[in-house]
Amino acid sequence: MPTDILPLPVTARPCVPVSDRHFRRFPPAAGREEISRICRLVRQLTAEMLLLTGERPAVRRDRRRSECHIRQIAMYVCHVQLGIPMSDIGPCFGRDRTTVGHACQVVEDRRDEPAFDEFVAALERLAGSIFNVVKGVRDE
């Protein structure tokens, strides 16, 4: 479990377990630790929001596909909404910057579907609000 989640009381801990094996650690001097935390939080938020929609894959292949979609959407939100460069997002997810570009393209193509567009828009608003609160920016 990530070290930034441990101090939370049991009731406030995330419901969906997110393994750290997809996230690499970087030295804090490069500022990568903060970006890694942000990416981890957005991925967790995406997984939780997806559970709210009622999608619960049962088959192993579907579970892998679901993890891939969660990762792609989280990469998209990190890049488009939070403005994190692709070259910084990729290593946080254990992927290359070109994979982040592909993920953004896949999500952008799927936004033609109204339900998916609504889901991503809500996720973008939520992520934006959370990080504005963390930064201390007030909503107008």
C-alpha atoms as a PDB file:
ATOM      1  CA  MET A   1       0.000   0.000   0.000  1.00  0.00           C
ATOM      2  CA  PRO A   2       1.345   3.487  -0.795  1.00  0.00           C
ATOM      3  CA  THR A   3       2.920   5.322   2.099  1.00  0.00           C
ATOM      4  CA  ASP A   4       0.712   8.373   1.611  1.00  0.00           C
ATOM      5  CA  ILE A   5      -2.430   6.287   2.347  1.00  0.00           C
ATOM      6  CA  LEU A   6      -1.248   4.533   5.523  1.00  0.00           C
ATOM      7  CA  PRO A   7      -1.983   7.350   8.009  1.00  0.00           C
ATOM      8  CA  LEU A   8      -5.658   7.446   7.015  1.00  0.00           C
ATOM      9  CA  PRO A   9      -8.173   5.790   9.321  1.00  0.00           C
ATOM     10  CA  VAL A  10      -9.584   2.489   8.096  1.00  0.00           C
ATOM     11  CA  THR A  11     -12.917   4.073   7.119  1.00  0.00           C
ATOM     12  CA  ALA A  12     -11.186   6.654   4.894  1.00  0.00           C
ATOM     13  CA  ARG A  13      -8.929   4.211   3.040  1.00  0.00           C
ATOM     14  CA  PRO A  14      -9.757   3.468  -0.608  1.00  0.00           C
ATOM     15  CA  CYS A  15     -12.156   0.614  -1.294  1.00  0.00           C
ATOM     16  CA  VAL A  16     -10.469  -0.610  -4.472  1.00  0.00           C
ATOM     17  CA  PRO A  17      -6.993  -2.017  -3.906  1.00  0.00           C
ATOM     18  CA  VAL A  18      -4.440  -0.464  -6.240  1.00  0.00           C
ATOM     19  CA  SER A  19      -1.149  -2.273  -6.417  1.00  0.00           C
ATOM     20  CA  ASP A  20       2.067  -0.282  -6.453  1.00  0.00           C
ATOM     21  CA  ARG A  21       3.707  -2.627  -8.936  1.00  0.00           C
ATOM     22  CA  HIS A  22       2.587  -0.366 -11.797  1.00  0.00           C
ATOM     23  CA  PHE A  23       4.153   2.708 -10.225  1.00  0.00           C
ATOM     24  CA  ARG A  24       7.884   3.310 -10.176  1.00  0.00           C
ATOM     25  CA  ARG A  25       9.639   5.297  -7.495  1.00  0.00           C
ATOM     26  CA  PHE A  26      11.712   8.302  -8.459  1.00  0.00           C
ATOM     27  CA  PRO A  27      14.010  10.469  -6.349  1.00  0.00           C
ATOM     28  CA  PRO A  28      12.159  13.399  -4.765  1.00  0.00           C
ATOM     29  CA  ALA A  29      14.797  15.840  -6.071  1.00  0.00           C
ATOM     30  CA  ALA A  30      13.359  15.491  -9.565  1.00  0.00           C
ATOM     31  CA  GLY A  31       9.830  16.224  -8.288  1.00  0.00           C
ATOM     32  CA  ARG A  32       8.723  12.824  -9.517  1.00  0.00           C
ATOM     33  CA  GLU A  33       7.422  11.644  -6.151  1.00  0.00           C
ATOM     34  CA  GLU A  34       4.682  14.284  -6.198  1.00  0.00           C
ATOM     35  CA  ILE A  35       3.744  13.445  -9.795  1.00  0.00           C
ATOM     36  CA  SER A  36       3.702   9.751  -8.896  1.00  0.00           C
ATOM     37  CA  ARG A  37       1.325  10.477  -5.997  1.00  0.00           C
ATOM     38  CA  ILE A  38      -0.952  12.509  -8.250  1.00  0.00           C
ATOM     39  CA  CYS A  39      -1.037   9.756 -10.889  1.00  0.00           C
ATOM     40  CA  ARG A  40      -1.748   7.137  -8.222  1.00  0.00           C
ATOM     41  CA  LEU A  41      -4.607   9.231  -6.836  1.00  0.00           C
ATOM     42  CA  VAL A  42      -6.138   9.836 -10.265  1.00  0.00           C
ATOM     43  CA  ARG A  43      -5.911   6.111 -11.042  1.00  0.00           C
ATOM     44  CA  GLN A  44      -7.606   5.282  -7.730  1.00  0.00           C
ATOM     45  CA  LEU A  45     -10.281   7.894  -8.402  1.00  0.00           C
ATOM     46  CA  THR A  46     -10.898   6.459 -11.866  1.00  0.00           C
ATOM     47  CA  ALA A  47     -11.257   2.936 -10.482  1.00  0.00           C
ATOM     48  CA  GLU A  48     -13.683   4.092  -7.782  1.00  0.00           C
ATOM     49  CA  MET A  49     -15.772   6.071 -10.280  1.00  0.00           C
ATOM     50  CA  LEU A  50     -15.909   3.057 -12.580  1.00  0.00           C
ATOM     51  CA  LEU A  51     -17.203   0.930  -9.707  1.00  0.00           C
ATOM     52  CA  LEU A  52     -19.985   3.478  -9.171  1.00  0.00           C
ATOM     53  CA  THR A  53     -21.172   2.868 -12.724  1.00  0.00           C
ATOM     54  CA  GLY A  54     -21.774  -0.768 -11.805  1.00  0.00           C
ATOM     55  CA  GLU A  55     -19.234  -2.392 -14.114  1.00  0.00           C
ATOM     56  CA  ARG A  56     -17.778  -5.421 -12.357  1.00  0.00           C
ATOM     57  CA  PRO A  57     -15.856  -7.730 -14.694  1.00  0.00           C
ATOM     58  CA  ALA A  58     -15.751 -11.355 -13.608  1.00  0.00           C
ATOM     59  CA  VAL A  59     -13.560 -13.046 -16.178  1.00  0.00           C
ATOM     60  CA  ARG A  60      -9.769 -12.702 -16.005  1.00  0.00           C
ATOM     61  CA  ARG A  61      -9.525 -11.316 -19.528  1.00  0.00           C
ATOM     62  CA  ASP A  62     -12.190  -8.724 -18.733  1.00  0.00           C
ATOM     63  CA  ARG A  63     -10.383  -7.775 -15.525  1.00  0.00           C
ATOM     64  CA  ARG A  64      -7.164  -7.128 -17.477  1.00  0.00           C
ATOM     65  CA  ARG A  65      -9.076  -5.109 -20.040  1.00  0.00           C
ATOM     66  CA  SER A  66     -10.743  -3.111 -17.276  1.00  0.00           C
ATOM     67  CA  GLU A  67      -7.351  -2.366 -15.693  1.00  0.00           C
ATOM     68  CA  CYS A  68      -6.098  -1.181 -19.077  1.00  0.00           C
ATOM     69  CA  HIS A  69      -9.097   1.137 -19.522  1.00  0.00           C
ATOM     70  CA  ILE A  70      -8.667   2.521 -16.012  1.00  0.00           C
ATOM     71  CA  ARG A  71      -5.007   3.214 -16.708  1.00  0.00           C
ATOM     72  CA  GLN A  72      -5.764   4.855 -20.056  1.00  0.00           C
ATOM     73  CA  ILE A  73      -8.442   7.114 -18.603  1.00  0.00           C
ATOM     74  CA  ALA A  74      -6.213   8.047 -15.657  1.00  0.00           C
ATOM     75  CA  MET A  75      -3.352   8.920 -18.023  1.00  0.00           C
ATOM     76  CA  TYR A  76      -5.724  11.035 -20.108  1.00  0.00           C
ATOM     77  CA  VAL A  77      -7.040  12.960 -17.095  1.00  0.00           C
ATOM     78  CA  CYS A  78      -3.518  13.510 -15.755  1.00  0.00           C
ATOM     79  CA  HIS A  79      -2.410  14.955 -19.084  1.00  0.00           C
ATOM     80  CA  VAL A  80      -5.482  16.871 -20.262  1.00  0.00           C
ATOM     81  CA  GLN A  81      -7.016  18.114 -17.016  1.00  0.00           C
ATOM     82  CA  LEU A  82      -3.984  18.405 -14.741  1.00  0.00           C
ATOM     83  CA  GLY A  83      -1.491  19.389 -17.441  1.00  0.00           C
ATOM     84  CA  ILE A  84       1.201  16.883 -16.507  1.00  0.00           C
ATOM     85  CA  PRO A  85       3.578  16.225 -19.444  1.00  0.00           C
ATOM     86  CA  MET A  86       3.344  12.798 -21.089  1.00  0.00           C
ATOM     87  CA  SER A  87       7.028  12.184 -20.424  1.00  0.00           C
ATOM     88  CA  ASP A  88       6.334  12.504 -16.666  1.00  0.00           C
ATOM     89  CA  ILE A  89       3.107  10.477 -16.658  1.00  0.00           C
ATOM     90  CA  GLY A  90       4.512   7.449 -18.473  1.00  0.00           C
ATOM     91  CA  PRO A  91       7.117   6.397 -15.908  1.00  0.00           C
ATOM     92  CA  CYS A  92       4.578   6.764 -13.077  1.00  0.00           C
ATOM     93  CA  PHE A  93       2.441   4.073 -14.698  1.00  0.00           C
ATOM     94  CA  GLY A  94       5.435   1.972 -15.735  1.00  0.00           C
ATOM     95  CA  ARG A  95       4.910   2.940 -19.376  1.00  0.00           C
ATOM     96  CA  ASP A  96       6.593   5.054 -22.053  1.00  0.00           C
ATOM     97  CA  ARG A  97       5.462   8.563 -23.069  1.00  0.00           C
ATOM     98  CA  THR A  98       4.307   7.169 -26.418  1.00  0.00           C
ATOM     99  CA  THR A  99       1.953   4.825 -24.566  1.00  0.00           C
ATOM    100  CA  VAL A 100       0.495   7.848 -22.773  1.00  0.00           C
ATOM    101  CA  GLY A 101      -0.050   9.482 -26.163  1.00  0.00           C
ATOM    102  CA  HIS A 102      -1.806   6.357 -27.396  1.00  0.00           C
ATOM    103  CA  ALA A 103      -3.973   6.259 -24.259  1.00  0.00           C
ATOM    104  CA  CYS A 104      -4.981   9.894 -24.766  1.00  0.00           C
ATOM    105  CA  GLN A 105      -5.893   9.149 -28.380  1.00  0.00           C
ATOM    106  CA  VAL A 106      -7.966   6.091 -27.405  1.00  0.00           C
ATOM    107  CA  VAL A 107      -9.882   8.033 -24.753  1.00  0.00           C
ATOM    108  CA  GLU A 108     -10.385  10.991 -27.093  1.00  0.00           C
ATOM    109  CA  ASP A 109     -11.793   8.653 -29.768  1.00  0.00           C
ATOM    110  CA  ARG A 110     -14.188   7.068 -27.268  1.00  0.00           C
ATOM    111  CA  ARG A 111     -15.512  10.463 -26.156  1.00  0.00           C
ATOM    112  CA  ASP A 112     -17.883  10.367 -29.136  1.00  0.00           C
ATOM    113  CA  GLU A 113     -20.040   8.030 -27.035  1.00  0.00           C
ATOM    114  CA  PRO A 114     -22.273  10.259 -24.863  1.00  0.00           C
ATOM    115  CA  ALA A 115     -22.149   8.046 -21.748  1.00  0.00           C
ATOM    116  CA  PHE A 116     -18.374   7.696 -21.858  1.00  0.00           C
ATOM    117  CA  ASP A 117     -17.951  11.422 -22.507  1.00  0.00           C
ATOM    118  CA  GLU A 118     -20.137  12.181 -19.481  1.00  0.00           C
ATOM    119  CA  PHE A 119     -18.085   9.811 -17.336  1.00  0.00           C
ATOM    120  CA  VAL A 120     -14.736  11.324 -18.390  1.00  0.00           C
ATOM    121  CA  ALA A 121     -16.068  14.881 -18.027  1.00  0.00           C
ATOM    122  CA  ALA A 122     -17.225  14.128 -14.471  1.00  0.00           C
ATOM    123  CA  LEU A 123     -13.870  12.563 -13.676  1.00  0.00           C
ATOM    124  CA  GLU A 124     -12.049  15.598 -15.080  1.00  0.00           C
ATOM    125  CA  ARG A 125     -14.174  17.966 -12.987  1.00  0.00           C
ATOM    126  CA  LEU A 126     -13.617  15.889  -9.874  1.00  0.00           C
ATOM    127  CA  ALA A 127      -9.860  15.619 -10.381  1.00  0.00           C
ATOM    128  CA  GLY A 128      -9.624  19.327 -11.138  1.00  0.00           C
ATOM    129  CA  SER A 129     -11.574  20.200  -7.998  1.00  0.00           C
ATOM    130  CA  ILE A 130      -9.501  17.914  -5.792  1.00  0.00           C
ATOM    131  CA  PHE A 131      -6.209  19.322  -6.974  1.00  0.00           C
ATOM    132  CA  ASN A 132      -7.459  22.906  -6.763  1.00  0.00           C
ATOM    133  CA  VAL A 133      -8.311  22.249  -3.108  1.00  0.00           C
ATOM    134  CA  VAL A 134      -4.898  20.663  -2.539  1.00  0.00           C
ATOM    135  CA  LYS A 135      -3.192  23.658  -4.141  1.00  0.00           C
ATOM    136  CA  GLY A 136      -5.359  26.055  -2.135  1.00  0.00           C
ATOM    137  CA  VAL A 137      -7.134  27.544  -5.144  1.00  0.00           C
ATOM    138  CA  ARG A 138     -10.678  28.675  -4.432  1.00  0.00           C
ATOM    139  CA  ASP A 139     -13.563  27.794  -6.735  1.00  0.00           C
ATOM    140  CA  GLU A 140     -15.377  30.827  -8.075  1.00  0.00           C
END
